[in-house]
Amino acid sequence: MKTVGHGFFQDPRIKEAKKLLRAAVEEHQKKITGLRPAHPELKEDYLALLKKFGDLRGGALFYQYLGSGIGNGALVELADGSVKYDFITGIGVHYMGHSNPDVIEAQIDGAISNTVMNGHLQQNTDSARLVELLSQQACKNGAAIKNVFLTTSGAMANENAIKMMFQKRAPASRLFAFEKCFAGRTLGMAWLTDKAAYREGLPKTIDVDYIPFYCESDHQGSINLAVNAMKKAIARFPKSHAGFVMELIQGENGSWVGNTEYFEALIKVCKDHDISVFADEVQSWGRTHELFAFQHFKLDKHIDVASIGKNSQVCATFFSDDHKPRPGLVSQTFTGASTQIAASLYITKQIVEGGYLGADGKIEKLHQRFKGNLEKIAQKHPQKIKGPWGIGAMVAMTLFNGDAVKTKQFTYKLFDNGVLSFMAGASPARVRFLMPVLKVTLEDIDKVCEIIEKTLHEME
């Protein structure tokens, strides 16, 4: 016995419609083959629309960027007719590249399903399949976080994780986090994020003790410093810490990479004091040799709670059985749009099955190409650019010894020259890139690096 829904999605007219839409997308994508300046006839209306949009949203956009609605992999067309390389992907969201025909085809099934949104009370079978896939992948190396709660944003995934830890460890009321971490912009996450400007004027919600992040140039010293800082805070506030929010690769701070031995030392302190270990993977998911960064660092057996977001399209909180929330603690009217869930299923399967992971996978090959090009540029311009260069699909560089003003000027000039990047971190300021992994090519990376070097030349 098959449902009406099964017959609906197998209807040959729908299959034909998908073929026609795909053909249309691919035909128009062929017109987007490289960088292109704005069309003079479109510029005036484009700037007027940007100004109006900025006025209505309460502030101008960081870049003068409004998309036309189509792109071709790493290339995207703006509404002024210009074409640029997108190497920041909406701060890591457009992992699949622009106008990816396979993702569009997956989304069609979501778009024609009976509801726009899936939520706490009603979800379709795609949600069940996605949760099963994510759970299997999270636990494949021995992690015990088989439970998965879908949600609408990375900040909410983190909020849910923190509520679970507080409930589990009640009456503990404090958290550990790394210095210069970023967790989101909700009221709770603004107080967890180590940046005062993001919580200016907000009432205090969470007490956080910040631990120095790993320093590659002082391996053992940074381990000792962090462990001692944890022990000192625990002695000052005994039995008060519910969890440690571990951003294993610091994204907002400029793609700084942690270390297994360092994390294990801190986790031992957590386990000795009944403190939950939370891996914040909103940015790092799908960007290292493994699907999860905690798998990359071989921390599977230690993780109590984890979160993902950005390139997963639908965000999620993972948790062990002993961190299951009691009824009412986590719930949302919306857990994700039907199109998001369909896209997430496709993207996750593609990362896992498409040759992207592992030491010889596409992600590492992309990183080595980008890193190698940047190192060549650094050899020619040692006073302007230096590493470290990040990890996997998270690439970053320090310019002008981390000068924030010059770094910001560089990102704007690079945008004008045809490449989207983003400024990150402070002391030093950094420029970071988040590649559209499913569609970016080695040739795209080479061209982007040529533009990076050209832009450095222009900043004499």
Protein backbone atom coordinates (compact mmCIF):
# COMPACT_ATOMS: atom_id res chain seq x y z
CA MET A 1 0.00 0.00 0.00
CA LYS A 2 1.45 3.39 -0.99
CA THR A 3 0.34 6.84 0.10
CA VAL A 4 -1.08 9.54 -2.13
CA GLY A 5 2.07 11.48 -1.30
CA HIS A 6 4.26 8.77 -2.77
CA GLY A 7 2.36 8.91 -6.02
CA PHE A 8 2.46 12.69 -6.03
CA PHE A 9 6.25 12.91 -5.81
CA GLN A 10 6.64 10.19 -8.47
CA ASP A 11 4.28 11.92 -10.89
CA PRO A 12 6.03 12.07 -14.29
CA ARG A 13 4.92 15.68 -14.74
CA ILE A 14 6.92 16.66 -11.67
CA LYS A 15 9.95 14.78 -12.94
CA GLU A 16 9.61 16.57 -16.28
CA ALA A 17 9.24 19.92 -14.51
CA LYS A 18 12.48 19.27 -12.65
CA LYS A 19 14.25 18.55 -15.91
CA LEU A 20 12.94 21.75 -17.46
CA LEU A 21 13.93 23.86 -14.47
CA ARG A 22 17.38 22.30 -14.37
CA ALA A 23 17.87 22.94 -18.07
CA ALA A 24 16.84 26.58 -17.60
CA VAL A 25 19.24 27.07 -14.68
CA GLU A 26 22.16 25.49 -16.50
CA GLU A 27 21.47 27.46 -19.68
CA HIS A 28 21.56 30.79 -17.86
CA GLN A 29 24.56 29.76 -15.74
CA LYS A 30 26.61 29.42 -18.92
CA LYS A 31 26.39 33.21 -19.25
CA ILE A 32 28.30 33.58 -15.95
CA THR A 33 31.88 32.51 -16.66
CA GLY A 34 34.08 35.04 -14.90
CA LEU A 35 34.34 38.45 -13.27
CA ARG A 36 32.28 41.24 -14.77
CA PRO A 37 31.91 44.92 -13.80
CA ALA A 38 28.58 46.54 -13.05
CA HIS A 39 26.49 47.60 -16.03
CA PRO A 40 26.37 51.42 -16.22
CA GLU A 41 22.62 51.40 -16.99
CA LEU A 42 21.85 49.41 -13.83
CA LYS A 43 24.12 51.20 -11.38
CA GLU A 44 21.94 54.17 -10.43
CA ASP A 45 18.85 52.09 -9.61
CA TYR A 46 21.02 49.54 -7.81
CA LEU A 47 22.59 52.13 -5.52
CA ALA A 48 19.16 53.64 -4.82
CA LEU A 49 17.81 50.22 -3.84
CA LEU A 50 20.80 49.58 -1.59
CA LYS A 51 20.27 52.90 0.19
CA LYS A 52 16.57 52.28 0.66
CA PHE A 53 17.21 48.79 1.97
CA GLY A 54 19.85 50.08 4.39
CA ASP A 55 17.54 52.82 5.66
CA LEU A 56 14.68 50.38 6.24
CA ARG A 57 16.82 47.76 8.00
CA GLY A 58 18.37 50.36 10.31
CA GLY A 59 21.88 50.28 8.88
CA ALA A 60 23.79 49.84 5.64
CA LEU A 61 24.97 46.42 4.48
CA PHE A 62 28.66 45.60 5.05
CA TYR A 63 29.12 45.31 1.28
CA GLN A 64 27.10 46.83 -1.54
CA TYR A 65 25.72 43.40 -2.31
CA LEU A 66 22.26 42.50 -3.55
CA GLY A 67 22.15 39.34 -5.63
CA SER A 68 20.28 39.11 -8.91
CA GLY A 69 19.10 35.59 -8.04
CA ILE A 70 21.54 33.49 -10.04
CA GLY A 71 25.16 32.43 -9.95
CA ASN A 72 27.45 29.70 -11.17
CA GLY A 73 29.29 27.80 -8.45
CA ALA A 74 31.81 30.16 -6.85
CA LEU A 75 30.61 33.04 -9.05
CA VAL A 76 27.58 35.16 -8.22
CA GLU A 77 25.82 37.89 -10.18
CA LEU A 78 24.71 41.02 -8.37
CA ALA A 79 21.67 43.07 -9.33
CA ASP A 80 23.90 45.73 -10.90
CA GLY A 81 25.05 43.13 -13.45
CA SER A 82 28.48 42.63 -11.89
CA VAL A 83 29.88 39.15 -11.20
CA LYS A 84 32.13 38.33 -8.25
CA TYR A 85 33.81 35.33 -6.64
CA ASP A 86 31.94 34.43 -3.44
CA PHE A 87 34.60 33.16 -1.04
CA ILE A 88 32.73 34.00 2.19
CA THR A 89 29.40 32.36 1.22
CA GLY A 90 27.15 34.37 3.52
CA ILE A 91 29.63 33.71 6.38
CA GLY A 92 29.64 30.03 5.61
CA VAL A 93 26.06 29.29 4.56
CA HIS A 94 26.28 28.80 0.78
CA TYR A 95 28.47 25.70 1.03
CA MET A 96 26.86 24.32 -2.15
CA GLY A 97 27.80 27.30 -4.32
CA HIS A 98 25.37 29.52 -6.20
CA SER A 99 22.48 28.06 -8.21
CA ASN A 100 23.66 24.49 -7.63
CA PRO A 101 21.30 22.47 -9.90
CA ASP A 102 21.42 19.40 -7.64
CA VAL A 103 20.46 21.40 -4.56
CA ILE A 104 17.71 23.17 -6.49
CA GLU A 105 16.32 19.81 -7.57
CA ALA A 106 16.32 18.61 -3.96
CA GLN A 107 14.60 21.80 -2.87
CA ILE A 108 11.82 21.37 -5.41
CA ASP A 109 10.55 18.37 -3.46
CA GLY A 110 10.52 20.55 -0.35
CA ALA A 111 8.87 23.44 -2.18
CA ILE A 112 5.96 21.33 -3.43
CA SER A 113 5.40 19.49 -0.16
CA ASN A 114 2.25 20.24 1.78
CA THR A 115 3.75 22.81 4.18
CA VAL A 116 6.25 25.63 3.94
CA MET A 117 7.63 24.94 7.42
CA ASN A 118 8.19 21.88 9.58
CA GLY A 119 7.84 22.32 13.30
CA HIS A 120 7.49 20.85 16.77
CA LEU A 121 3.91 19.71 16.27
CA GLN A 122 4.03 18.60 12.63
CA GLN A 123 7.00 17.36 10.59
CA ASN A 124 7.27 15.44 7.34
CA THR A 125 9.27 12.28 6.69
CA ASP A 126 12.26 14.28 5.40
CA SER A 127 12.86 15.51 8.97
CA ALA A 128 12.96 11.93 10.25
CA ARG A 129 15.41 10.90 7.52
CA LEU A 130 17.64 13.90 8.16
CA VAL A 131 17.76 13.33 11.90
CA GLU A 132 18.62 9.66 11.37
CA LEU A 133 21.44 10.52 8.96
CA LEU A 134 22.88 13.20 11.24
CA SER A 135 22.68 10.93 14.28
CA GLN A 136 24.45 8.08 12.49
CA GLN A 137 27.22 10.34 11.27
CA ALA A 138 27.73 12.00 14.66
CA CYS A 139 28.10 8.64 16.42
CA LYS A 140 30.05 6.72 13.76
CA ASN A 141 33.32 6.85 15.73
CA GLY A 142 31.91 6.14 19.17
CA ALA A 143 30.31 9.41 20.26
CA ALA A 144 27.20 8.99 22.40
CA ILE A 145 25.25 12.03 21.16
CA LYS A 146 22.63 10.13 19.17
CA ASN A 147 19.76 12.50 19.98
CA VAL A 148 19.19 15.34 17.46
CA PHE A 149 16.92 18.38 17.85
CA LEU A 150 16.48 20.48 14.70
CA THR A 151 16.23 24.25 14.96
CA THR A 152 16.22 27.39 12.84
CA SER A 153 19.59 29.01 13.60
CA GLY A 154 23.00 28.26 15.02
CA ALA A 155 22.38 30.63 17.90
CA MET A 156 19.22 28.70 18.83
CA ALA A 157 21.08 25.39 18.53
CA ASN A 158 23.59 26.78 21.02
CA GLU A 159 20.86 28.15 23.29
CA ASN A 160 19.22 24.72 23.39
CA ALA A 161 22.53 23.04 24.19
CA ILE A 162 23.24 25.43 27.03
CA LYS A 163 19.78 24.98 28.51
CA MET A 164 20.30 21.21 28.47
CA MET A 165 23.62 21.55 30.31
CA PHE A 166 22.20 23.91 32.91
CA GLN A 167 19.24 21.59 33.52
CA LYS A 168 21.52 18.56 33.76
CA ARG A 169 23.94 20.26 36.15
CA ALA A 170 21.48 22.33 38.21
CA PRO A 171 21.99 24.36 40.33
CA ALA A 172 25.30 25.15 38.54
CA SER A 173 25.00 28.56 36.89
CA ARG A 174 28.35 29.30 35.23
CA LEU A 175 29.99 28.27 31.96
CA PHE A 176 33.51 27.97 30.61
CA ALA A 177 34.29 29.24 27.12
CA PHE A 178 37.38 30.23 25.17
CA GLU A 179 38.67 33.77 24.99
CA LYS A 180 37.55 35.51 21.78
CA CYS A 181 34.82 32.93 21.16
CA PHE A 182 31.65 33.65 19.20
CA ALA A 183 28.39 31.82 19.92
CA GLY A 184 25.63 33.95 18.38
CA ARG A 185 23.65 37.11 19.00
CA THR A 186 20.64 36.08 21.07
CA LEU A 187 20.47 37.58 24.56
CA GLY A 188 22.11 34.50 26.05
CA MET A 189 24.72 34.03 23.33
CA ALA A 190 25.69 37.69 23.42
CA TRP A 191 26.88 37.15 27.00
CA LEU A 192 28.68 33.94 26.11
CA THR A 193 30.46 35.56 23.13
CA ASP A 194 33.69 37.22 24.27
CA LYS A 195 33.12 40.59 22.65
CA ALA A 196 31.80 43.45 24.75
CA ALA A 197 30.42 45.42 21.78
CA TYR A 198 27.93 42.63 21.04
CA ARG A 199 26.24 42.99 24.44
CA GLU A 200 26.42 46.73 24.98
CA GLY A 201 23.28 47.87 26.80
CA LEU A 202 22.01 44.32 27.40
CA PRO A 203 21.13 42.91 30.84
CA LYS A 204 23.44 40.19 32.06
CA THR A 205 22.20 36.63 31.54
CA ILE A 206 25.12 34.19 31.95
CA ASP A 207 28.31 34.14 34.02
CA VAL A 208 31.24 32.95 31.91
CA ASP A 209 34.86 32.22 32.77
CA TYR A 210 37.06 32.57 29.69
CA ILE A 211 39.99 30.24 29.08
CA PRO A 212 42.97 31.14 26.83
CA PHE A 213 42.75 29.35 23.48
CA TYR A 214 45.46 27.08 22.12
CA CYS A 215 48.68 28.68 20.89
CA GLU A 216 50.58 26.55 18.37
CA SER A 217 53.85 28.39 19.02
CA ASP A 218 53.68 27.48 22.74
CA HIS A 219 52.08 24.03 22.78
CA GLN A 220 52.74 22.87 26.35
CA GLY A 221 52.70 26.38 27.74
CA SER A 222 49.22 27.05 26.38
CA ILE A 223 47.98 23.72 27.80
CA ASN A 224 49.34 24.56 31.25
CA LEU A 225 47.96 28.10 31.11
CA ALA A 226 44.45 26.92 30.17
CA VAL A 227 44.32 24.08 32.71
CA ASN A 228 45.50 26.37 35.50
CA ALA A 229 42.92 28.99 34.53
CA MET A 230 40.16 26.35 34.71
CA LYS A 231 41.30 25.05 38.09
CA LYS A 232 41.54 28.56 39.48
CA ALA A 233 37.97 29.39 38.38
CA ILE A 234 36.66 26.10 39.81
CA ALA A 235 38.37 26.81 43.13
CA ARG A 236 36.84 30.29 43.18
CA PHE A 237 33.36 29.03 42.24
CA PRO A 238 33.20 25.38 43.41
CA LYS A 239 30.49 23.20 41.81
CA SER A 240 29.21 26.21 39.85
CA HIS A 241 30.15 25.33 36.26
CA ALA A 242 27.55 23.50 34.17
CA GLY A 243 29.52 23.16 30.96
CA PHE A 244 32.46 24.14 28.77
CA VAL A 245 31.46 25.60 25.40
CA MET A 246 34.31 24.52 23.12
CA GLU A 247 34.60 26.22 19.76
CA LEU A 248 37.23 23.77 18.49
CA ILE A 249 38.18 26.04 15.59
CA GLN A 250 37.62 29.70 16.33
CA GLY A 251 35.81 31.08 13.28
CA GLU A 252 34.81 34.62 14.18
CA ASN A 253 38.23 35.13 15.72
CA GLY A 254 39.98 34.39 12.43
CA SER A 255 40.06 30.59 11.90
CA TRP A 256 42.45 29.69 14.72
CA VAL A 257 42.83 25.91 15.06
CA GLY A 258 42.88 23.93 18.30
CA ASN A 259 44.84 20.80 19.24
CA THR A 260 43.80 17.34 20.46
CA GLU A 261 46.18 17.18 23.42
CA TYR A 262 45.13 20.65 24.51
CA PHE A 263 41.43 19.79 24.37
CA GLU A 264 41.95 16.48 26.16
CA ALA A 265 43.69 18.24 29.04
CA LEU A 266 40.75 20.61 29.50
CA ILE A 267 38.20 17.81 29.09
CA LYS A 268 39.90 15.86 31.89
CA VAL A 269 39.33 18.79 34.21
CA CYS A 270 35.69 18.87 33.08
CA LYS A 271 35.17 15.17 33.76
CA ASP A 272 36.86 15.42 37.16
CA HIS A 273 34.35 18.12 38.18
CA ASP A 274 31.12 16.95 36.49
CA ILE A 275 31.22 19.68 33.86
CA SER A 276 29.54 18.93 30.51
CA VAL A 277 31.58 19.20 27.29
CA PHE A 278 29.85 21.05 24.45
CA ALA A 279 31.35 21.19 20.92
CA ASP A 280 30.09 24.30 19.12
CA GLU A 281 30.28 23.29 15.44
CA VAL A 282 28.00 25.90 13.91
CA GLN A 283 30.84 27.01 11.63
CA SER A 284 33.24 24.05 11.62
CA TRP A 285 30.78 21.31 10.57
CA GLY A 286 31.72 19.94 7.15
CA ARG A 287 34.93 21.95 6.83
CA THR A 288 37.67 19.58 8.10
CA HIS A 289 38.78 16.03 7.19
CA GLU A 290 35.73 14.75 9.09
CA LEU A 291 32.10 15.82 9.03
CA PHE A 292 32.42 17.03 12.63
CA ALA A 293 35.49 18.84 13.95
CA PHE A 294 35.30 16.81 17.18
CA GLN A 295 35.88 13.75 14.97
CA HIS A 296 38.85 15.49 13.33
CA PHE A 297 40.38 16.04 16.79
CA LYS A 298 39.38 12.49 17.91
CA LEU A 299 37.31 13.71 20.84
CA ASP A 300 34.23 11.58 20.07
CA LYS A 301 33.98 9.73 23.39
CA HIS A 302 34.21 12.96 25.40
CA ILE A 303 31.42 15.03 23.84
CA ASP A 304 28.15 15.44 25.79
CA VAL A 305 26.48 18.05 23.56
CA ALA A 306 27.20 19.48 20.11
CA SER A 307 25.65 21.95 17.67
CA ILE A 308 25.79 22.46 13.91
CA GLY A 309 24.54 25.16 11.55
CA LYS A 310 25.39 27.37 8.57
CA ASN A 311 26.24 24.99 5.71
CA SER A 312 23.92 22.31 7.13
CA GLN A 313 21.05 24.68 6.20
CA VAL A 314 18.93 23.28 9.06
CA CYS A 315 20.64 23.74 12.42
CA ALA A 316 20.68 21.11 15.16
CA THR A 317 21.63 20.28 18.73
CA PHE A 318 23.07 16.81 19.45
CA PHE A 319 23.02 15.40 22.99
CA SER A 320 23.61 12.25 24.99
CA ASP A 321 20.83 10.36 26.75
CA ASP A 322 21.80 11.77 30.13
CA HIS A 323 21.39 15.31 28.76
CA LYS A 324 17.88 14.75 27.43
CA PRO A 325 15.80 17.83 28.31
CA ARG A 326 12.72 17.47 30.43
CA PRO A 327 9.41 18.31 28.68
CA GLY A 328 9.05 21.99 27.84
CA LEU A 329 12.73 22.99 27.95
CA VAL A 330 13.30 23.01 24.17
CA SER A 331 10.56 23.46 21.59
CA GLN A 332 9.99 25.61 18.52
CA THR A 333 7.05 26.39 16.28
CA PHE A 334 9.48 26.18 13.33
CA THR A 335 12.41 23.76 13.15
CA GLY A 336 13.12 24.47 9.50
CA ALA A 337 11.56 25.12 6.11
CA SER A 338 10.72 22.08 4.01
CA THR A 339 13.15 23.32 1.35
CA GLN A 340 15.93 23.68 3.94
CA ILE A 341 15.43 20.15 5.20
CA ALA A 342 15.50 18.75 1.67
CA ALA A 343 18.67 20.71 0.90
CA SER A 344 20.28 19.59 4.16
CA LEU A 345 19.65 15.95 3.31
CA TYR A 346 21.30 16.36 -0.08
CA ILE A 347 24.28 18.37 1.22
CA THR A 348 24.99 16.00 4.12
CA LYS A 349 24.89 12.94 1.87
CA GLN A 350 27.13 14.65 -0.66
CA ILE A 351 29.78 15.55 1.93
CA VAL A 352 29.75 12.01 3.34
CA GLU A 353 29.60 10.08 0.07
CA GLY A 354 31.12 12.45 -2.50
CA GLY A 355 34.83 12.20 -1.72
CA TYR A 356 35.09 15.39 0.33
CA LEU A 357 36.36 13.96 3.62
CA GLY A 358 39.62 12.29 4.64
CA ALA A 359 43.26 13.29 4.29
CA ASP A 360 43.02 12.92 0.51
CA GLY A 361 39.51 14.34 0.13
CA LYS A 362 38.46 17.37 -1.85
CA ILE A 363 38.34 19.63 1.24
CA GLU A 364 42.02 19.02 1.97
CA LYS A 365 42.99 19.44 -1.69
CA LEU A 366 41.19 22.79 -1.78
CA HIS A 367 42.94 23.87 1.41
CA GLN A 368 46.40 22.89 0.19
CA ARG A 369 45.89 24.78 -3.08
CA PHE A 370 44.73 27.92 -1.26
CA LYS A 371 47.43 27.64 1.39
CA GLY A 372 50.14 27.05 -1.22
CA ASN A 373 49.10 30.09 -3.22
CA LEU A 374 49.00 32.31 -0.12
CA GLU A 375 52.44 31.09 0.95
CA LYS A 376 53.83 32.07 -2.47
CA ILE A 377 52.29 35.53 -2.09
CA ALA A 378 53.73 35.80 1.44
CA GLN A 379 57.22 35.00 0.14
CA LYS A 380 56.96 37.97 -2.20
CA HIS A 381 55.25 40.29 0.31
CA PRO A 382 56.45 39.22 3.79
CA GLN A 383 55.63 42.61 5.31
CA LYS A 384 52.02 42.49 4.13
CA ILE A 385 50.73 38.94 4.56
CA LYS A 386 51.37 35.94 6.79
CA GLY A 387 49.66 32.85 8.18
CA PRO A 388 48.60 30.67 9.80
CA TRP A 389 46.18 29.80 7.04
CA GLY A 390 43.37 28.04 8.94
CA ILE A 391 42.19 24.50 8.27
CA GLY A 392 40.24 22.71 5.54
CA ALA A 393 37.57 24.91 4.03
CA MET A 394 38.24 27.63 6.64
CA VAL A 395 41.12 29.72 5.25
CA ALA A 396 42.45 32.90 6.85
CA MET A 397 45.42 35.25 6.75
CA THR A 398 46.89 38.13 8.73
CA LEU A 399 47.56 41.34 6.79
CA PHE A 400 49.66 44.34 7.77
CA ASN A 401 50.55 42.72 11.12
CA GLY A 402 46.89 42.55 12.05
CA ASP A 403 46.13 46.26 11.70
CA ALA A 404 42.33 46.49 11.90
CA VAL A 405 41.94 49.64 9.79
CA LYS A 406 44.10 48.39 6.91
CA THR A 407 42.52 44.94 7.09
CA LYS A 408 39.05 46.40 6.71
CA GLN A 409 40.24 48.59 3.83
CA PHE A 410 41.64 45.48 2.16
CA THR A 411 38.31 43.60 2.35
CA TYR A 412 36.51 46.51 0.69
CA LYS A 413 39.13 46.87 -2.02
CA LEU A 414 39.09 43.11 -2.58
CA PHE A 415 35.30 43.28 -2.97
CA ASP A 416 35.67 46.05 -5.54
CA ASN A 417 38.19 43.86 -7.36
CA GLY A 418 35.74 40.98 -7.47
CA VAL A 419 36.16 38.74 -4.38
CA LEU A 420 34.01 38.48 -1.27
CA SER A 421 35.88 37.84 1.98
CA PHE A 422 35.26 39.01 5.52
CA MET A 423 37.17 40.61 8.35
CA ALA A 424 37.47 38.61 11.55
CA GLY A 425 39.19 38.72 14.92
CA ALA A 426 40.99 41.46 16.79
CA SER A 427 44.60 41.80 17.91
CA PRO A 428 45.33 40.63 15.29
CA ALA A 429 42.58 41.39 12.80
CA ARG A 430 42.35 38.71 10.11
CA VAL A 431 40.79 38.17 6.69
CA ARG A 432 38.91 34.89 6.35
CA PHE A 433 37.43 32.87 3.54
CA LEU A 434 34.73 30.18 3.66
CA MET A 435 34.69 28.42 0.30
CA PRO A 436 31.61 27.10 -1.55
CA VAL A 437 32.98 23.59 -1.22
CA LEU A 438 30.52 21.64 -3.36
CA LYS A 439 31.24 23.72 -6.48
CA VAL A 440 34.53 25.59 -6.06
CA THR A 441 37.41 24.48 -8.28
CA LEU A 442 41.19 24.68 -7.98
CA GLU A 443 41.12 27.13 -10.88
CA ASP A 444 38.71 29.36 -8.92
CA ILE A 445 41.19 29.40 -6.04
CA ASP A 446 44.05 30.33 -8.36
CA LYS A 447 42.09 33.24 -9.83
CA VAL A 448 41.02 34.48 -6.40
CA CYS A 449 44.62 34.40 -5.18
CA GLU A 450 45.69 36.43 -8.21
CA ILE A 451 43.14 39.06 -7.21
CA ILE A 452 44.35 38.93 -3.58
CA GLU A 453 47.89 39.67 -4.74
CA LYS A 454 46.69 42.42 -7.09
CA THR A 455 44.81 44.02 -4.20
CA LEU A 456 47.88 43.87 -1.94
CA HIS A 457 49.87 45.65 -4.67
CA GLU A 458 47.26 48.42 -4.69
CA MET A 459 47.73 49.00 -0.96
CA GLU A 460 51.30 50.24 -1.12
